[in-house]
Protein backbone atom coordinates (compact mmCIF):
# COMPACT_ATOMS: atom_id res chain seq x y z
CA UNK A 1 78.45 129.95 43.48
CA UNK A 2 74.40 129.55 44.82
CA UNK A 3 73.27 125.94 45.41
CA UNK A 4 71.37 125.52 41.66
CA UNK A 5 67.68 123.74 42.69
CA UNK A 6 68.97 119.92 39.92
CA UNK A 7 65.35 119.54 39.55
CA UNK A 8 64.04 122.52 38.65
CA UNK A 9 67.43 123.17 36.27
CA UNK A 10 66.69 119.82 34.81
CA UNK A 11 62.96 120.78 34.22
CA UNK A 12 64.22 123.63 31.64
CA UNK A 13 66.26 122.12 30.56
CA UNK A 14 63.80 118.97 29.61
CA UNK A 15 61.67 122.39 28.03
CA UNK A 16 64.53 123.94 25.77
CA UNK A 17 65.70 120.53 24.18
CA UNK A 18 61.65 120.34 23.42
CA UNK A 19 61.98 123.98 21.92
CA UNK A 20 65.28 122.85 20.25
CA UNK A 21 63.07 119.48 18.65
CA UNK A 22 60.95 121.72 17.38
CA UNK A 23 62.89 124.31 15.92
CA UNK A 24 64.18 122.13 14.12
CA UNK A 25 61.44 120.41 12.84
CA UNK A 26 60.16 123.09 11.68
CA UNK A 27 63.92 123.86 10.10
CA UNK A 28 63.01 120.93 7.98
CA UNK A 29 61.16 122.15 5.63
CA UNK A 30 63.62 125.26 4.98
CA UNK A 31 65.39 124.45 1.20
CA UNK A 32 68.69 124.41 2.06
CA UNK A 33 70.17 127.32 0.26
CA UNK A 34 68.73 129.26 2.88
CA UNK A 35 70.06 127.34 5.93
CA UNK A 36 73.76 127.28 5.02
CA UNK A 37 73.66 131.13 3.82
CA UNK A 38 75.25 133.76 6.24
CA UNK A 39 72.28 136.66 7.21
CA UNK A 40 75.92 138.86 6.76
CA UNK A 41 79.58 138.53 6.27
CA UNK A 42 81.14 137.37 8.96
CA UNK A 43 78.06 135.72 10.43
CA UNK A 44 77.02 131.95 10.75
CA UNK A 45 73.84 130.43 8.82
CA UNK A 46 71.53 128.29 10.54
CA UNK A 47 73.16 125.34 10.16
CA UNK A 48 76.75 126.43 10.94
CA UNK A 49 75.08 127.16 14.10
CA UNK A 50 73.77 123.47 15.23
CA UNK A 51 76.50 122.31 14.22
CA UNK A 52 78.52 124.12 16.36
CA UNK A 53 75.51 122.81 19.34
CA UNK A 54 75.60 119.42 17.85
CA UNK A 55 79.70 119.55 18.00
CA UNK A 56 80.04 120.77 21.39
CA UNK A 57 77.43 119.12 23.26
CA UNK A 58 79.38 115.59 21.40
CA UNK A 59 82.12 116.62 24.25
CA UNK A 60 80.56 118.25 27.10
CA UNK A 61 78.00 114.92 27.21
CA UNK A 62 80.70 112.42 28.03
CA UNK A 63 82.85 114.84 30.05
CA UNK A 64 79.43 115.26 32.01
CA UNK A 65 79.06 111.83 32.54
CA UNK A 66 82.29 111.15 32.80
CA UNK A 67 82.46 113.30 36.25
CA UNK A 68 79.50 111.47 37.60
CA UNK A 69 81.19 108.74 37.39
CA UNK A 70 83.99 109.96 39.67
CA UNK A 71 86.83 109.39 36.64
CA UNK A 72 87.81 113.18 36.78
């Protein structure tokens, strides 16, 4: 695997996180019905997508902290 420039990676992550926060803030103005309605059968609603991303973050962030601490 190619060596990754960590400063560049974390800088990009910061920008992405800021965009996610902005999007979430704008979505607060939308109705619950809109956010909970899937666009088509078998597709996820906006709320389902955010919940999925949030739940995986709760798994991966502690795993990364554990790896950094050397407690594999």
